[in-house]
Amino acid sequence: METVGALSVVVASTNPVKIRAALGGFQLMFPGRIVRAEGVEVCSRVSSQPRTDDETRRGAEARAAQACEEAPRADFWVGIEGGVVEAEPGMAAYAWVVVRSPLCVGRARTGTFFLPEAVARLVRQGMELGLADDQVFGSTDSKRKAGAVGLLSGGTVDREALYRQAIALALIPFKNPTLYGTRASQDRRPNPTPCDTFTAPLE
């Protein structure tokens, strides 16, 4: 196989959990490649705690797009947005993942789990999930550590693992460009930017 350079991945967050999850997801899907991941601070352009599926997805989309603007020479840009939604039997938590490249956009959702009522009640009152977790569990800055899922599962599944799988799933179109028609799905923009030039082949 021809030797190719490292893949440059920019994550639309400086949260170390999200950066490690992105690195791990890319390494899972492209085990023969060197992957370098870094984070940039961006605004999600949605509320601090999205409470609908559409708002959560839009937050991930906006993050990925802004990461591209901040670091246009990267090969991939990753947006991760956590959200909650009311469903039977209560409030469910999950995240949307959006991975952009100059060729296409890949999307996936994490697994979903239900929050205990003590946490859900605080979120309904306007508190961000991470802060609600800290208050209920007596933790500190849990959103930059195991997260709600880690606290509730006793560390069996933490936030990084939850995100890592979804990032791998969002990369499926990049592994199967012919089946997904990635070139055909590329956003057509009248004034191309550096983000429109793909610089690192995957295979």
Protein backbone atom coordinates (compact mmCIF):
# COMPACT_ATOMS: atom_id res chain seq x y z
CA MET A 1 0.00 0.00 0.00
CA GLU A 2 1.23 3.47 -0.83
CA THR A 3 2.37 5.49 2.16
CA VAL A 4 0.09 8.45 2.85
CA GLY A 5 0.24 11.26 5.37
CA ALA A 6 -1.53 11.59 8.69
CA LEU A 7 -5.20 12.49 8.83
CA SER A 8 -5.83 15.87 10.41
CA VAL A 9 -9.06 15.96 12.42
CA VAL A 10 -10.39 19.12 14.02
CA VAL A 11 -13.04 18.74 16.70
CA ALA A 12 -15.44 21.62 17.31
CA SER A 13 -14.77 21.65 21.05
CA THR A 14 -11.89 21.86 23.48
CA ASN A 15 -13.53 19.25 25.73
CA PRO A 16 -10.90 16.50 26.06
CA VAL A 17 -13.60 13.81 26.09
CA LYS A 18 -14.79 14.83 22.62
CA ILE A 19 -11.25 15.09 21.26
CA ARG A 20 -10.30 11.63 22.54
CA ALA A 21 -13.55 10.18 21.22
CA ALA A 22 -12.91 11.61 17.77
CA LEU A 23 -9.37 10.27 17.75
CA GLY A 24 -10.61 6.85 18.83
CA GLY A 25 -13.42 6.76 16.29
CA PHE A 26 -11.08 7.56 13.39
CA GLN A 27 -8.54 5.03 14.61
CA LEU A 28 -11.25 2.36 14.73
CA MET A 29 -12.38 3.04 11.17
CA PHE A 30 -8.95 3.67 9.63
CA PRO A 31 -6.55 1.49 11.66
CA GLY A 32 -3.76 1.79 9.10
CA ARG A 33 -3.62 5.57 9.26
CA ILE A 34 -1.94 7.99 11.62
CA VAL A 35 -4.60 10.32 13.03
CA ARG A 36 -3.99 13.66 14.70
CA ALA A 37 -6.92 15.30 16.47
CA GLU A 38 -7.15 18.75 17.99
CA GLY A 39 -9.96 20.90 19.31
CA VAL A 40 -11.11 24.44 18.57
CA GLU A 41 -13.55 26.52 20.57
CA VAL A 42 -16.76 27.32 18.66
CA CYS A 43 -20.36 28.25 19.39
CA SER A 44 -23.05 25.64 18.77
CA ARG A 45 -25.57 28.34 17.78
CA VAL A 46 -28.25 26.47 19.69
CA SER A 47 -29.23 26.58 23.36
CA SER A 48 -26.75 25.42 25.99
CA GLN A 49 -28.95 22.36 26.48
CA PRO A 50 -30.79 21.32 23.31
CA ARG A 51 -34.13 19.69 24.12
CA THR A 52 -35.30 18.46 20.71
CA ASP A 53 -33.76 16.09 18.21
CA ASP A 54 -33.71 18.76 15.50
CA GLU A 55 -32.00 21.34 17.71
CA THR A 56 -29.38 18.81 18.80
CA ARG A 57 -28.60 17.84 15.20
CA ARG A 58 -28.40 21.50 14.15
CA GLY A 59 -25.94 22.12 16.96
CA ALA A 60 -23.66 19.36 15.69
CA GLU A 61 -23.98 20.64 12.11
CA ALA A 62 -23.11 24.18 13.18
CA ARG A 63 -20.12 23.04 15.20
CA ALA A 64 -18.66 21.03 12.32
CA ALA A 65 -19.15 23.93 9.90
CA GLN A 66 -17.46 26.40 12.25
CA ALA A 67 -14.55 24.03 12.85
CA CYS A 68 -14.01 24.08 9.09
CA GLU A 69 -13.96 27.86 9.12
CA GLU A 70 -11.50 27.93 12.02
CA ALA A 71 -9.12 25.32 10.57
CA PRO A 72 -9.75 25.08 6.81
CA ARG A 73 -6.60 23.08 6.06
CA ALA A 74 -7.69 20.05 8.10
CA ASP A 75 -8.95 16.88 6.42
CA PHE A 76 -12.00 16.37 8.65
CA TRP A 77 -14.14 18.49 10.97
CA VAL A 78 -16.20 16.91 13.75
CA GLY A 79 -19.20 18.38 15.53
CA ILE A 80 -20.68 16.66 18.58
CA GLU A 81 -23.78 18.00 20.31
CA GLY A 82 -25.44 16.39 23.30
CA GLY A 83 -29.19 16.71 23.71
CA VAL A 84 -32.20 15.48 25.60
CA VAL A 85 -35.73 14.71 24.47
CA GLU A 86 -38.93 13.83 26.28
CA ALA A 87 -40.07 10.31 25.45
CA GLU A 88 -41.87 7.45 27.13
CA PRO A 89 -40.97 6.72 29.95
CA GLY A 90 -39.14 10.01 30.63
CA MET A 91 -36.26 12.22 29.48
CA ALA A 92 -33.76 10.53 27.17
CA ALA A 93 -30.18 11.69 26.58
CA TYR A 94 -27.99 11.15 23.53
CA ALA A 95 -25.80 13.10 21.10
CA TRP A 96 -25.64 13.84 17.39
CA VAL A 97 -22.30 13.58 15.56
CA VAL A 98 -21.51 15.28 12.25
CA VAL A 99 -18.26 14.62 10.38
CA ARG A 100 -17.45 16.87 7.45
CA SER A 101 -14.79 16.63 4.78
CA PRO A 102 -14.48 18.42 1.45
CA LEU A 103 -16.14 15.37 -0.14
CA CYS A 104 -19.20 14.77 1.99
CA VAL A 105 -20.90 14.92 5.35
CA GLY A 106 -21.43 11.88 7.59
CA ARG A 107 -23.95 11.83 10.42
CA ALA A 108 -24.86 9.49 13.26
CA ARG A 109 -26.52 9.42 16.65
CA THR A 110 -25.21 7.86 19.81
CA GLY A 111 -27.08 5.29 21.81
CA THR A 112 -29.90 6.66 23.95
CA PHE A 113 -30.39 6.23 27.69
CA PHE A 114 -32.97 7.58 30.14
CA LEU A 115 -32.15 10.02 32.91
CA PRO A 116 -33.32 9.60 36.50
CA GLU A 117 -36.13 11.96 37.40
CA ALA A 118 -33.94 13.91 39.83
CA VAL A 119 -31.67 14.90 36.92
CA ALA A 120 -34.47 15.34 34.38
CA ARG A 121 -36.33 17.69 36.72
CA LEU A 122 -33.36 20.06 36.91
CA VAL A 123 -32.94 20.00 33.13
CA ARG A 124 -36.61 20.86 32.67
CA GLN A 125 -36.04 23.83 34.97
CA GLY A 126 -33.38 25.11 32.57
CA MET A 127 -30.17 23.57 33.91
CA GLU A 128 -27.60 22.10 31.52
CA LEU A 129 -27.34 18.31 31.84
CA GLY A 130 -23.71 18.36 32.99
CA LEU A 131 -24.51 20.80 35.79
CA ALA A 132 -27.57 18.78 36.78
CA ASP A 133 -25.41 15.66 36.97
CA ASP A 134 -22.90 17.46 39.18
CA GLN A 135 -25.63 18.59 41.55
CA VAL A 136 -27.38 15.23 41.82
CA PHE A 137 -24.26 13.06 41.98
CA GLY A 138 -22.02 15.47 43.88
CA SER A 139 -19.48 15.41 41.06
CA THR A 140 -17.41 18.20 39.53
CA ASP A 141 -17.24 19.05 35.82
CA SER A 142 -18.62 15.62 34.89
CA LYS A 143 -19.25 16.65 31.29
CA ARG A 144 -15.49 16.76 30.78
CA LYS A 145 -15.12 13.32 32.38
CA ALA A 146 -17.44 10.28 32.39
CA GLY A 147 -20.62 12.27 31.79
CA ALA A 148 -24.14 11.26 32.78
CA VAL A 149 -23.84 7.88 31.11
CA GLY A 150 -20.63 7.11 32.97
CA LEU A 151 -22.06 8.13 36.33
CA LEU A 152 -25.21 6.09 35.78
CA SER A 153 -23.48 2.99 34.40
CA GLY A 154 -20.77 2.96 37.05
CA GLY A 155 -18.16 3.59 34.40
CA THR A 156 -19.15 0.62 32.23
CA VAL A 157 -19.99 3.03 29.41
CA ASP A 158 -18.58 6.52 29.68
CA ARG A 159 -19.13 9.60 27.56
CA GLU A 160 -16.01 9.00 25.48
CA ALA A 161 -17.08 5.46 24.56
CA LEU A 162 -20.60 6.65 23.73
CA TYR A 163 -19.27 9.30 21.35
CA ARG A 164 -16.54 7.10 19.88
CA GLN A 165 -18.98 4.60 18.42
CA ALA A 166 -21.17 7.32 16.90
CA ILE A 167 -18.13 8.95 15.29
CA ALA A 168 -17.19 5.60 13.76
CA LEU A 169 -20.76 5.24 12.45
CA ALA A 170 -20.65 8.74 10.97
CA LEU A 171 -17.54 7.70 9.05
CA ILE A 172 -19.30 4.84 7.24
CA PRO A 173 -19.89 6.92 4.07
CA PHE A 174 -16.17 7.71 3.95
CA LYS A 175 -15.37 4.00 4.02
CA ASN A 176 -17.90 3.32 1.26
CA PRO A 177 -17.72 6.30 -1.11
CA THR A 178 -19.15 4.45 -4.12
CA LEU A 179 -22.18 3.17 -2.24
CA TYR A 180 -22.91 6.52 -0.63
CA GLY A 181 -22.00 8.70 -3.62
CA THR A 182 -19.94 11.03 -1.46
CA ARG A 183 -18.82 13.21 -4.33
CA ALA A 184 -22.41 13.63 -5.48
CA SER A 185 -23.51 14.63 -1.97
CA GLN A 186 -20.87 17.31 -1.58
CA ASP A 187 -22.37 20.69 -0.78
CA ARG A 188 -22.26 22.87 -3.90
CA ARG A 189 -21.08 26.35 -2.96
CA PRO A 190 -20.69 29.14 -5.53
CA ASN A 191 -17.44 30.38 -4.02
CA PRO A 192 -15.27 27.40 -3.04
CA THR A 193 -13.18 27.71 0.11
CA PRO A 194 -10.07 25.76 1.16
CA CYS A 195 -12.53 23.31 2.75
CA ASP A 196 -13.59 22.27 -0.75
CA THR A 197 -10.29 20.59 -1.55
CA PHE A 198 -9.82 17.09 -0.18
CA THR A 199 -6.18 16.58 0.76
CA ALA A 200 -5.82 13.14 2.32
CA PRO A 201 -7.02 9.91 0.68
CA LEU A 202 -8.47 7.36 3.08
CA GLU A 203 -7.19 4.23 1.40
